C-alpha atoms as a PDB file:
ATOM      1  CA  MET A   1      65.976 122.099 -88.251  1.00  0.00           C
ATOM      2  CA  PRO A   2      63.756 121.218 -91.255  1.00  0.00           C
ATOM      3  CA  ASP A   3      60.389 122.941 -91.617  1.00  0.00           C
ATOM      4  CA  LYS A   4      57.672 120.394 -90.812  1.00  0.00           C
ATOM      5  CA  GLY A   5      54.853 122.593 -92.096  1.00  0.00           C
ATOM      6  CA  LEU A   6      52.233 125.001 -90.820  1.00  0.00           C
ATOM      7  CA  VAL A   7      49.925 124.029 -87.941  1.00  0.00           C
ATOM      8  CA  THR A   8      46.795 126.022 -87.136  1.00  0.00           C
ATOM      9  CA  ILE A   9      45.833 125.660 -83.464  1.00  0.00           C
ATOM     10  CA  PHE A  10      42.369 126.846 -82.497  1.00  0.00           C
ATOM     11  CA  GLY A  11      42.433 127.878 -78.848  1.00  0.00           C
ATOM     12  CA  GLY A  12      46.223 127.888 -78.872  1.00  0.00           C
ATOM     13  CA  SER A  13      46.577 130.512 -76.143  1.00  0.00           C
ATOM     14  CA  GLY A  14      44.792 128.397 -73.530  1.00  0.00           C
ATOM     15  CA  PHE A  15      46.131 126.012 -70.909  1.00  0.00           C
ATOM     16  CA  ILE A  16      46.840 123.071 -73.219  1.00  0.00           C
ATOM     17  CA  GLY A  17      47.541 125.388 -76.146  1.00  0.00           C
ATOM     18  CA  ARG A  18      50.579 127.129 -74.710  1.00  0.00           C
ATOM     19  CA  HIS A  19      52.254 123.792 -73.964  1.00  0.00           C
ATOM     20  CA  LEU A  20      51.387 122.478 -77.411  1.00  0.00           C
ATOM     21  CA  VAL A  21      52.777 125.611 -79.074  1.00  0.00           C
ATOM     22  CA  GLN A  22      56.055 125.114 -77.221  1.00  0.00           C
ATOM     23  CA  GLN A  23      56.174 121.407 -78.118  1.00  0.00           C
ATOM     24  CA  LEU A  24      55.528 122.021 -81.820  1.00  0.00           C
ATOM     25  CA  ALA A  25      57.873 125.009 -82.030  1.00  0.00           C
ATOM     26  CA  LYS A  26      60.716 122.855 -80.708  1.00  0.00           C
ATOM     27  CA  GLY A  27      59.728 120.209 -83.238  1.00  0.00           C
ATOM     28  CA  GLY A  28      60.224 122.535 -86.187  1.00  0.00           C
ATOM     29  CA  TYR A  29      56.655 123.466 -87.063  1.00  0.00           C
ATOM     30  CA  ARG A  30      55.417 126.888 -88.044  1.00  0.00           C
ATOM     31  CA  ILE A  31      52.440 127.749 -85.872  1.00  0.00           C
ATOM     32  CA  ARG A  32      49.345 129.837 -86.459  1.00  0.00           C
ATOM     33  CA  VAL A  33      47.507 130.441 -83.185  1.00  0.00           C
ATOM     34  CA  ALA A  34      43.831 131.028 -83.980  1.00  0.00           C
ATOM     35  CA  VAL A  35      42.111 132.846 -81.106  1.00  0.00           C
ATOM     36  CA  ARG A  36      39.388 135.433 -80.468  1.00  0.00           C
ATOM     37  CA  ARG A  37      41.892 137.902 -78.988  1.00  0.00           C
ATOM     38  CA  PRO A  38      45.195 137.639 -80.867  1.00  0.00           C
ATOM     39  CA  ASP A  39      46.354 140.817 -79.111  1.00  0.00           C
ATOM     40  CA  LEU A  40      46.419 138.834 -75.858  1.00  0.00           C
ATOM     41  CA  ALA A  41      48.449 135.936 -77.270  1.00  0.00           C
ATOM     42  CA  GLY A  42      51.763 137.788 -77.541  1.00  0.00           C
ATOM     43  CA  PHE A  43      53.183 135.820 -74.599  1.00  0.00           C
ATOM     44  CA  LEU A  44      53.527 132.828 -76.957  1.00  0.00           C
ATOM     45  CA  GLN A  45      56.080 134.531 -79.208  1.00  0.00           C
ATOM     46  CA  PRO A  46      59.164 133.737 -77.065  1.00  0.00           C
ATOM     47  CA  LEU A  47      58.325 130.024 -77.299  1.00  0.00           C
ATOM     48  CA  GLY A  48      59.601 129.901 -80.878  1.00  0.00           C
ATOM     49  CA  GLY A  49      62.011 131.517 -83.278  1.00  0.00           C
ATOM     50  CA  VAL A  50      61.551 134.719 -85.266  1.00  0.00           C
ATOM     51  CA  SER A  51      58.258 134.601 -87.207  1.00  0.00           C
ATOM     52  CA  GLN A  52      57.697 130.967 -86.205  1.00  0.00           C
ATOM     53  CA  ILE A  53      54.543 131.726 -84.178  1.00  0.00           C
ATOM     54  CA  LEU A  54      51.788 133.983 -85.499  1.00  0.00           C
ATOM     55  CA  SER A  55      48.517 134.823 -83.740  1.00  0.00           C
ATOM     56  CA  VAL A  56      45.419 135.433 -85.885  1.00  0.00           C
ATOM     57  CA  TYR A  57      41.765 136.137 -85.243  1.00  0.00           C
ATOM     58  CA  ALA A  58      39.326 133.251 -85.346  1.00  0.00           C
ATOM     59  CA  ASN A  59      35.985 132.610 -83.692  1.00  0.00           C
ATOM     60  CA  LEU A  60      34.303 129.203 -83.858  1.00  0.00           C
ATOM     61  CA  ARG A  61      30.998 130.996 -84.335  1.00  0.00           C
ATOM     62  CA  ASP A  62      32.390 132.753 -87.437  1.00  0.00           C
ATOM     63  CA  GLU A  63      32.773 130.351 -90.381  1.00  0.00           C
ATOM     64  CA  GLN A  64      34.774 132.751 -92.563  1.00  0.00           C
ATOM     65  CA  SER A  65      37.341 133.412 -89.825  1.00  0.00           C
ATOM     66  CA  ILE A  66      37.827 129.652 -89.446  1.00  0.00           C
ATOM     67  CA  LYS A  67      38.477 129.235 -93.171  1.00  0.00           C
ATOM     68  CA  GLU A  68      40.984 132.097 -93.146  1.00  0.00           C
ATOM     69  CA  ALA A  69      42.798 130.598 -90.162  1.00  0.00           C
ATOM     70  CA  VAL A  70      43.095 127.194 -91.854  1.00  0.00           C
ATOM     71  CA  LYS A  71      44.186 128.526 -95.261  1.00  0.00           C
ATOM     72  CA  ASP A  72      47.516 127.014 -96.422  1.00  0.00           C
ATOM     73  CA  ALA A  73      47.889 124.972 -93.218  1.00  0.00           C
ATOM     74  CA  SER A  74      49.170 121.392 -93.379  1.00  0.00           C
ATOM     75  CA  PHE A  75      47.784 120.451 -89.966  1.00  0.00           C
ATOM     76  CA  VAL A  76      44.923 121.622 -87.744  1.00  0.00           C
ATOM     77  CA  VAL A  77      44.346 121.134 -84.014  1.00  0.00           C
ATOM     78  CA  ASN A  78      41.116 122.175 -82.292  1.00  0.00           C
ATOM     79  CA  LEU A  79      41.502 122.739 -78.548  1.00  0.00           C
ATOM     80  CA  VAL A  80      38.469 124.963 -78.013  1.00  0.00           C
ATOM     81  CA  GLY A  81      36.191 123.943 -75.174  1.00  0.00           C
ATOM     82  CA  ILE A  82      34.394 125.401 -72.163  1.00  0.00           C
ATOM     83  CA  LEU A  83      33.487 123.955 -68.767  1.00  0.00           C
ATOM     84  CA  ALA A  84      30.539 126.302 -68.288  1.00  0.00           C
ATOM     85  CA  PRO A  85      28.567 128.519 -70.680  1.00  0.00           C
ATOM     86  CA  SER A  86      29.032 132.284 -70.570  1.00  0.00           C
ATOM     87  CA  GLY A  87      27.500 134.943 -72.797  1.00  0.00           C
ATOM     88  CA  GLN A  88      27.594 133.728 -76.393  1.00  0.00           C
ATOM     89  CA  GLN A  89      30.011 130.956 -75.489  1.00  0.00           C
ATOM     90  CA  ARG A  90      27.604 128.024 -75.344  1.00  0.00           C
ATOM     91  CA  PHE A  91      28.273 124.292 -75.247  1.00  0.00           C
ATOM     92  CA  ASN A  92      26.557 123.432 -78.516  1.00  0.00           C
ATOM     93  CA  ALA A  93      27.923 126.438 -80.407  1.00  0.00           C
ATOM     94  CA  LEU A  94      31.540 125.584 -79.574  1.00  0.00           C
ATOM     95  CA  HIS A  95      31.690 121.852 -78.905  1.00  0.00           C
ATOM     96  CA  VAL A  96      29.439 120.801 -81.784  1.00  0.00           C
ATOM     97  CA  GLN A  97      28.837 123.494 -84.389  1.00  0.00           C
ATOM     98  CA  GLY A  98      32.279 125.067 -84.012  1.00  0.00           C
ATOM     99  CA  ALA A  99      34.035 121.703 -84.183  1.00  0.00           C
ATOM    100  CA  ARG A 100      32.010 120.842 -87.282  1.00  0.00           C
ATOM    101  CA  LEU A 101      33.038 124.080 -89.007  1.00  0.00           C
ATOM    102  CA  VAL A 102      36.702 123.445 -88.212  1.00  0.00           C
ATOM    103  CA  ALA A 103      36.425 119.947 -89.716  1.00  0.00           C
ATOM    104  CA  ILE A 104      34.763 121.281 -92.860  1.00  0.00           C
ATOM    105  CA  ALA A 105      37.419 123.970 -93.258  1.00  0.00           C
ATOM    106  CA  ALA A 106      40.206 121.432 -92.706  1.00  0.00           C
ATOM    107  CA  ARG A 107      38.721 119.074 -95.298  1.00  0.00           C
ATOM    108  CA  GLU A 108      38.273 121.828 -97.867  1.00  0.00           C
ATOM    109  CA  ALA A 109      41.828 123.076 -97.272  1.00  0.00           C
ATOM    110  CA  GLY A 110      43.200 119.568 -97.807  1.00  0.00           C
ATOM    111  CA  VAL A 111      45.152 119.426 -94.540  1.00  0.00           C
ATOM    112  CA  LYS A 112      47.218 116.323 -93.842  1.00  0.00           C
ATOM    113  CA  GLN A 113      45.817 115.757 -90.359  1.00  0.00           C
ATOM    114  CA  LEU A 114      43.100 117.192 -88.127  1.00  0.00           C
ATOM    115  CA  VAL A 115      43.253 116.525 -84.389  1.00  0.00           C
ATOM    116  CA  GLN A 116      40.160 117.234 -82.288  1.00  0.00           C
ATOM    117  CA  VAL A 117      40.778 117.382 -78.533  1.00  0.00           C
ATOM    118  CA  SER A 118      37.647 116.227 -76.729  1.00  0.00           C
ATOM    119  CA  ALA A 119      37.345 114.941 -73.152  1.00  0.00           C
ATOM    120  CA  LEU A 120      37.333 111.640 -71.340  1.00  0.00           C
ATOM    121  CA  GLY A 121      33.732 111.014 -70.371  1.00  0.00           C
ATOM    122  CA  ALA A 122      32.292 112.316 -73.633  1.00  0.00           C
ATOM    123  CA  ASP A 123      28.975 110.473 -73.896  1.00  0.00           C
ATOM    124  CA  ALA A 124      26.044 111.130 -76.218  1.00  0.00           C
ATOM    125  CA  ASN A 125      23.686 109.703 -73.564  1.00  0.00           C
ATOM    126  CA  SER A 126      25.060 111.662 -70.600  1.00  0.00           C
ATOM    127  CA  ARG A 127      22.832 113.940 -68.526  1.00  0.00           C
ATOM    128  CA  SER A 128      25.700 116.418 -68.549  1.00  0.00           C
ATOM    129  CA  THR A 129      25.459 118.910 -71.390  1.00  0.00           C
ATOM    130  CA  TYR A 130      29.244 119.211 -71.390  1.00  0.00           C
ATOM    131  CA  ALA A 131      29.792 115.466 -71.876  1.00  0.00           C
ATOM    132  CA  ARG A 132      26.926 115.158 -74.341  1.00  0.00           C
ATOM    133  CA  THR A 133      28.074 118.011 -76.590  1.00  0.00           C
ATOM    134  CA  LYS A 134      31.658 116.762 -76.501  1.00  0.00           C
ATOM    135  CA  ALA A 135      30.412 113.433 -77.903  1.00  0.00           C
ATOM    136  CA  HIS A 136      28.231 115.132 -80.513  1.00  0.00           C
ATOM    137  CA  GLY A 137      31.228 117.244 -81.483  1.00  0.00           C
ATOM    138  CA  GLU A 138      33.301 114.115 -82.065  1.00  0.00           C
ATOM    139  CA  ASP A 139      30.582 112.719 -84.322  1.00  0.00           C
ATOM    140  CA  ALA A 140      30.331 115.992 -86.221  1.00  0.00           C
ATOM    141  CA  VAL A 141      34.084 116.060 -86.821  1.00  0.00           C
ATOM    142  CA  LEU A 142      34.300 112.448 -87.997  1.00  0.00           C
ATOM    143  CA  ASN A 143      31.277 112.883 -90.259  1.00  0.00           C
ATOM    144  CA  MET A 144      32.949 115.823 -91.972  1.00  0.00           C
ATOM    145  CA  GLU A 145      36.535 114.503 -91.829  1.00  0.00           C
ATOM    146  CA  PRO A 146      36.668 110.711 -91.304  1.00  0.00           C
ATOM    147  CA  ASN A 147      40.476 110.759 -91.090  1.00  0.00           C
ATOM    148  CA  ALA A 148      40.503 113.057 -88.069  1.00  0.00           C
ATOM    149  CA  VAL A 149      42.039 111.852 -84.801  1.00  0.00           C
ATOM    150  CA  ILE A 150      40.071 112.382 -81.587  1.00  0.00           C
ATOM    151  CA  LEU A 151      41.899 112.654 -78.246  1.00  0.00           C
ATOM    152  CA  ARG A 152      40.028 112.370 -74.954  1.00  0.00           C
ATOM    153  CA  PRO A 153      42.191 113.438 -71.985  1.00  0.00           C
ATOM    154  CA  SER A 154      41.134 112.937 -68.386  1.00  0.00           C
ATOM    155  CA  VAL A 155      41.596 115.853 -65.970  1.00  0.00           C
ATOM    156  CA  VAL A 156      44.651 117.766 -67.206  1.00  0.00           C
ATOM    157  CA  PHE A 157      47.118 119.117 -64.652  1.00  0.00           C
ATOM    158  CA  GLY A 158      50.056 121.488 -64.916  1.00  0.00           C
ATOM    159  CA  PRO A 159      51.337 124.828 -63.572  1.00  0.00           C
ATOM    160  CA  GLU A 160      48.374 126.843 -64.887  1.00  0.00           C
ATOM    161  CA  ASP A 161      45.637 124.285 -64.151  1.00  0.00           C
ATOM    162  CA  GLU A 162      42.338 125.049 -62.455  1.00  0.00           C
ATOM    163  CA  PHE A 163      42.238 121.757 -60.629  1.00  0.00           C
ATOM    164  CA  PHE A 164      45.148 121.279 -58.215  1.00  0.00           C
ATOM    165  CA  ASN A 165      45.705 125.036 -58.006  1.00  0.00           C
ATOM    166  CA  ARG A 166      42.095 125.643 -57.049  1.00  0.00           C
ATOM    167  CA  PHE A 167      41.997 123.006 -54.320  1.00  0.00           C
ATOM    168  CA  ALA A 168      45.391 124.044 -52.931  1.00  0.00           C
ATOM    169  CA  GLY A 169      44.287 127.680 -52.930  1.00  0.00           C
ATOM    170  CA  LEU A 170      41.163 126.842 -50.960  1.00  0.00           C
ATOM    171  CA  MET A 171      43.167 124.807 -48.465  1.00  0.00           C
ATOM    172  CA  SER A 172      45.503 127.728 -47.872  1.00  0.00           C
ATOM    173  CA  LEU A 173      42.571 129.952 -46.921  1.00  0.00           C
ATOM    174  CA  ALA A 174      39.969 127.792 -45.173  1.00  0.00           C
ATOM    175  CA  PRO A 175      40.205 125.503 -42.134  1.00  0.00           C
ATOM    176  CA  ILE A 176      37.456 123.201 -43.447  1.00  0.00           C
ATOM    177  CA  ILE A 177      37.237 121.991 -47.057  1.00  0.00           C
ATOM    178  CA  PRO A 178      34.114 120.244 -48.378  1.00  0.00           C
ATOM    179  CA  VAL A 179      34.826 117.173 -50.502  1.00  0.00           C
ATOM    180  CA  PHE A 180      32.131 116.219 -52.986  1.00  0.00           C
ATOM    181  CA  ALA A 181      32.089 112.906 -54.856  1.00  0.00           C
ATOM    182  CA  GLY A 182      34.960 111.633 -52.717  1.00  0.00           C
ATOM    183  CA  LYS A 183      34.835 108.149 -54.258  1.00  0.00           C
ATOM    184  CA  THR A 184      34.733 109.272 -57.901  1.00  0.00           C
ATOM    185  CA  LYS A 185      37.862 108.137 -59.737  1.00  0.00           C
ATOM    186  CA  PHE A 186      40.088 110.246 -61.992  1.00  0.00           C
ATOM    187  CA  GLN A 187      43.204 109.543 -64.037  1.00  0.00           C
ATOM    188  CA  PRO A 188      44.863 112.994 -64.197  1.00  0.00           C
ATOM    189  CA  ILE A 189      47.324 113.515 -67.044  1.00  0.00           C
ATOM    190  CA  TYR A 190      50.107 116.087 -67.274  1.00  0.00           C
ATOM    191  CA  VAL A 191      49.510 118.852 -69.817  1.00  0.00           C
ATOM    192  CA  GLY A 192      52.954 118.291 -71.338  1.00  0.00           C
ATOM    193  CA  ASP A 193      52.013 114.677 -72.043  1.00  0.00           C
ATOM    194  CA  VAL A 194      48.770 115.760 -73.705  1.00  0.00           C
ATOM    195  CA  ALA A 195      50.872 118.022 -75.932  1.00  0.00           C
ATOM    196  CA  LYS A 196      53.142 115.056 -76.731  1.00  0.00           C
ATOM    197  CA  ALA A 197      50.129 112.945 -77.714  1.00  0.00           C
ATOM    198  CA  ILE A 198      48.832 115.690 -80.008  1.00  0.00           C
ATOM    199  CA  ALA A 199      52.245 116.074 -81.640  1.00  0.00           C
ATOM    200  CA  ALA A 200      52.466 112.302 -82.141  1.00  0.00           C
ATOM    201  CA  SER A 201      49.040 112.343 -83.775  1.00  0.00           C
ATOM    202  CA  LEU A 202      50.145 115.036 -86.205  1.00  0.00           C
ATOM    203  CA  GLU A 203      53.247 113.042 -87.077  1.00  0.00           C
ATOM    204  CA  GLY A 204      51.328 109.908 -88.050  1.00  0.00           C
ATOM    205  CA  GLY A 205      51.535 108.050 -84.762  1.00  0.00           C
ATOM    206  CA  ALA A 206      47.762 107.683 -84.464  1.00  0.00           C
ATOM    207  CA  ARG A 207      45.268 105.665 -86.476  1.00  0.00           C
ATOM    208  CA  GLN A 208      43.153 108.025 -88.527  1.00  0.00           C
ATOM    209  CA  GLY A 209      39.514 108.068 -87.511  1.00  0.00           C
ATOM    210  CA  ALA A 210      40.299 106.615 -84.075  1.00  0.00           C
ATOM    211  CA  ILE A 211      39.320 107.949 -80.645  1.00  0.00           C
ATOM    212  CA  TYR A 212      42.160 107.798 -78.104  1.00  0.00           C
ATOM    213  CA  GLU A 213      41.687 107.998 -74.323  1.00  0.00           C
ATOM    214  CA  LEU A 214      44.488 109.713 -72.413  1.00  0.00           C
ATOM    215  CA  GLY A 215      45.085 109.142 -68.728  1.00  0.00           C
ATOM    216  CA  GLY A 216      48.004 109.436 -66.357  1.00  0.00           C
ATOM    217  CA  PRO A 217      49.870 106.540 -64.708  1.00  0.00           C
ATOM    218  CA  HIS A 218      47.678 106.455 -61.590  1.00  0.00           C
ATOM    219  CA  THR A 219      43.960 106.318 -60.821  1.00  0.00           C
ATOM    220  CA  VAL A 220      42.953 108.367 -57.786  1.00  0.00           C
ATOM    221  CA  THR A 221      39.692 109.265 -56.070  1.00  0.00           C
ATOM    222  CA  MET A 222      38.630 112.810 -55.319  1.00  0.00           C
ATOM    223  CA  LYS A 223      39.311 112.191 -51.633  1.00  0.00           C
ATOM    224  CA  GLU A 224      42.811 110.885 -52.410  1.00  0.00           C
ATOM    225  CA  ILE A 225      43.517 113.966 -54.522  1.00  0.00           C
ATOM    226  CA  HIS A 226      42.679 116.228 -51.588  1.00  0.00           C
ATOM    227  CA  ASN A 227      44.870 114.188 -49.253  1.00  0.00           C
ATOM    228  CA  GLN A 228      47.763 114.324 -51.722  1.00  0.00           C
ATOM    229  CA  ILE A 229      47.494 118.108 -51.889  1.00  0.00           C
ATOM    230  CA  LYS A 230      47.605 118.274 -48.095  1.00  0.00           C
ATOM    231  CA  GLN A 231      50.728 116.128 -48.064  1.00  0.00           C
ATOM    232  CA  MET A 232      52.456 118.103 -50.833  1.00  0.00           C
ATOM    233  CA  THR A 233      51.822 121.512 -49.291  1.00  0.00           C
ATOM    234  CA  GLY A 234      51.942 120.700 -45.602  1.00  0.00           C
ATOM    235  CA  LEU A 235      48.535 122.335 -45.214  1.00  0.00           C
ATOM    236  CA  ASN A 236      46.171 120.597 -42.822  1.00  0.00           C
ATOM    237  CA  PRO A 237      42.548 121.686 -43.221  1.00  0.00           C
ATOM    238  CA  THR A 238      39.777 119.342 -42.128  1.00  0.00           C
ATOM    239  CA  LEU A 239      38.305 117.501 -45.111  1.00  0.00           C
ATOM    240  CA  LEU A 240      34.536 117.281 -44.799  1.00  0.00           C
ATOM    241  CA  PRO A 241      32.890 114.666 -47.056  1.00  0.00           C
ATOM    242  CA  LEU A 242      29.520 115.926 -48.267  1.00  0.00           C
ATOM    243  CA  PRO A 243      26.849 114.358 -50.490  1.00  0.00           C
ATOM    244  CA  LEU A 244      26.200 115.761 -53.954  1.00  0.00           C
ATOM    245  CA  TRP A 245      22.778 117.078 -52.959  1.00  0.00           C
ATOM    246  CA  VAL A 246      24.609 119.698 -50.883  1.00  0.00           C
ATOM    247  CA  ALA A 247      26.603 120.651 -53.970  1.00  0.00           C
ATOM    248  CA  ARG A 248      23.315 121.014 -55.873  1.00  0.00           C
ATOM    249  CA  ILE A 249      22.066 123.506 -53.291  1.00  0.00           C
ATOM    250  CA  ILE A 250      25.310 125.478 -53.614  1.00  0.00           C
ATOM    251  CA  ALA A 251      24.993 125.432 -57.409  1.00  0.00           C
ATOM    252  CA  LEU A 252      21.406 126.677 -57.273  1.00  0.00           C
ATOM    253  CA  CYS A 253      22.197 129.421 -54.764  1.00  0.00           C
ATOM    254  CA  THR A 254      25.189 130.684 -56.762  1.00  0.00           C
ATOM    255  CA  SER A 255      23.676 130.359 -60.245  1.00  0.00           C
ATOM    256  CA  ILE A 256      23.472 134.145 -60.695  1.00  0.00           C
ATOM    257  CA  LEU A 257      27.178 134.647 -59.993  1.00  0.00           C
ATOM    258  CA  PRO A 258      29.496 135.220 -62.982  1.00  0.00           C
ATOM    259  CA  ASN A 259      31.973 132.616 -61.675  1.00  0.00           C
ATOM    260  CA  GLN A 260      30.062 129.849 -59.960  1.00  0.00           C
ATOM    261  CA  PRO A 261      32.140 127.625 -57.655  1.00  0.00           C
ATOM    262  CA  ILE A 262      30.305 124.603 -59.107  1.00  0.00           C
ATOM    263  CA  THR A 263      27.494 124.177 -61.630  1.00  0.00           C
ATOM    264  CA  LEU A 264      24.715 121.619 -61.889  1.00  0.00           C
ATOM    265  CA  ASP A 265      26.305 120.311 -65.069  1.00  0.00           C
ATOM    266  CA  GLN A 266      29.635 119.769 -63.312  1.00  0.00           C
ATOM    267  CA  ILE A 267      27.827 117.911 -60.525  1.00  0.00           C
ATOM    268  CA  ARG A 268      26.417 115.520 -63.120  1.00  0.00           C
ATOM    269  CA  LEU A 269      29.972 114.893 -64.361  1.00  0.00           C
ATOM    270  CA  LEU A 270      31.137 114.053 -60.837  1.00  0.00           C
ATOM    271  CA  LYS A 271      28.750 111.107 -60.656  1.00  0.00           C
ATOM    272  CA  LYS A 272      30.815 109.116 -63.146  1.00  0.00           C
ATOM    273  CA  ASP A 273      34.430 107.929 -63.001  1.00  0.00           C
ATOM    274  CA  ASN A 274      36.808 109.737 -65.368  1.00  0.00           C
ATOM    275  CA  ILE A 275      39.292 106.992 -66.269  1.00  0.00           C
ATOM    276  CA  VAL A 276      40.568 105.259 -69.388  1.00  0.00           C
ATOM    277  CA  SER A 277      38.255 102.410 -70.389  1.00  0.00           C
ATOM    278  CA  PRO A 278      39.387  98.764 -70.654  1.00  0.00           C
ATOM    279  CA  GLU A 279      38.187  98.848 -74.277  1.00  0.00           C
ATOM    280  CA  ALA A 280      40.587 101.670 -75.158  1.00  0.00           C
ATOM    281  CA  ILE A 281      43.501  99.769 -73.629  1.00  0.00           C
ATOM    282  CA  GLU A 282      42.564  96.504 -75.338  1.00  0.00           C
ATOM    283  CA  GLU A 283      42.085  98.204 -78.702  1.00  0.00           C
ATOM    284  CA  ARG A 284      45.380 100.119 -78.358  1.00  0.00           C
ATOM    285  CA  ARG A 285      43.742 103.529 -78.140  1.00  0.00           C
ATOM    286  CA  ALA A 286      45.565 104.875 -75.081  1.00  0.00           C
ATOM    287  CA  PHE A 287      48.539 107.111 -74.322  1.00  0.00           C
ATOM    288  CA  ALA A 288      51.044 104.245 -74.541  1.00  0.00           C
ATOM    289  CA  ASP A 289      49.943 103.618 -78.122  1.00  0.00           C
ATOM    290  CA  LEU A 290      50.867 107.168 -79.132  1.00  0.00           C
ATOM    291  CA  CYS A 291      53.964 108.039 -77.122  1.00  0.00           C
ATOM    292  CA  ALA A 292      57.103 106.262 -75.982  1.00  0.00           C
ATOM    293  CA  GLY A 293      57.587 106.164 -72.235  1.00  0.00           C
ATOM    294  CA  PRO A 294      54.979 106.489 -69.483  1.00  0.00           C
ATOM    295  CA  PRO A 295      53.107 109.733 -68.777  1.00  0.00           C
ATOM    296  CA  ARG A 296      54.409 111.774 -65.861  1.00  0.00           C
ATOM    297  CA  SER A 297      52.773 111.397 -62.469  1.00  0.00           C
ATOM    298  CA  ILE A 298      51.097 113.841 -60.117  1.00  0.00           C
ATOM    299  CA  GLN A 299      53.874 113.298 -57.563  1.00  0.00           C
ATOM    300  CA  VAL A 300      56.585 114.309 -60.045  1.00  0.00           C
ATOM    301  CA  ILE A 301      54.945 117.484 -61.394  1.00  0.00           C
ATOM    302  CA  VAL A 302      52.404 118.972 -58.989  1.00  0.00           C
ATOM    303  CA  PRO A 303      54.572 119.679 -55.867  1.00  0.00           C
ATOM    304  CA  ASP A 304      56.712 122.121 -57.843  1.00  0.00           C
ATOM    305  CA  TYR A 305      53.817 124.474 -58.548  1.00  0.00           C
ATOM    306  CA  ILE A 306      51.538 124.205 -55.522  1.00  0.00           C
ATOM    307  CA  ASP A 307      54.187 124.606 -52.821  1.00  0.00           C
ATOM    308  CA  ARG A 308      53.610 128.382 -52.992  1.00  0.00           C
ATOM    309  CA  PHE A 309      50.312 127.914 -51.157  1.00  0.00           C
ATOM    310  CA  GLU A 310      52.141 126.694 -48.066  1.00  0.00           C
ATOM    311  CA  THR A 311      54.152 129.937 -48.106  1.00  0.00           C
ATOM    312  CA  ARG A 312      50.959 131.934 -48.381  1.00  0.00           C
ATOM    313  CA  LYS A 313      49.514 130.248 -45.295  1.00  0.00           C
ATOM    314  CA  HIS A 314      52.666 130.868 -43.263  1.00  0.00           C
ATOM    315  CA  ALA A 315      52.678 134.511 -44.332  1.00  0.00           C
ATOM    316  CA  PHE A 316      49.048 134.859 -43.295  1.00  0.00           C
ATOM    317  CA  SER A 317      49.700 133.165 -39.955  1.00  0.00           C
ATOM    318  CA  ASN A 318      52.699 135.385 -39.220  1.00  0.00           C
ATOM    319  CA  SER A 319      50.709 138.543 -39.964  1.00  0.00           C
ATOM    320  CA  GLN A 320      48.175 137.556 -37.281  1.00  0.00           C
ATOM    321  CA  ARG A 321      50.785 137.322 -34.510  1.00  0.00           C
END
């Protein structure tokens, strides 16, 4: 297989990153995984051939480490993002300033293509700090590197996700499950399809400087997602629709916990649908404009990795007899 060049992936050991590493390794790329803890990224090595995947230190708050990680690379992908701030990991530092530094380093290194993975719902006018900083990060990247490609996926699902796994886990443990923002719409997309879209962008399949919106084949509400999980697992908790003001109380009461079940910022995100816009479809800035074939559906992928929760419930029930 011919060598397609060196790709530096910031955040390459994360959920999307591990699938992207596998996709690019199969495609013949050499991969440099730029992460804060390269010693914890060894699990990526079997995804490629000998010396094909190398993990290096990089921190988006450390400009010199970014430049070192990008050195001699032909392509750069930035996957770094957080859903909630923790310690020195803050929204603005990573989503905006960090993204800007990656774009500057990519431009100075003369890379062929920079891909910035943002999020569907990125909005400079949003009340959500997450959505607002994602939008500011996009602007920062395009200001520094106008030829960059921006990808905005909706909720991403896959075996290691924190979406379907979390809800299925709760259903396996509790008889009553609160459902917030039951009417809010999502367009979940499979992590493997996000990786395909990134790979296509690196290979010239995307218009430079464009912002693409990535969604799956179906639009579903939060309530429908919960019902689908019940059907897939055979679990049957009572779903209790609750208004978002209840979620706000929970967020306020748990704000001192290291792992909040929900934050005020996430509640703000739940007020708005998370689906591909008609403008993106009309302007050919959607998944179909990057990749051949439709994205894979929830029904095809999710049952294979959440069925273990049904087993857990049966095991728990049997132990009580």
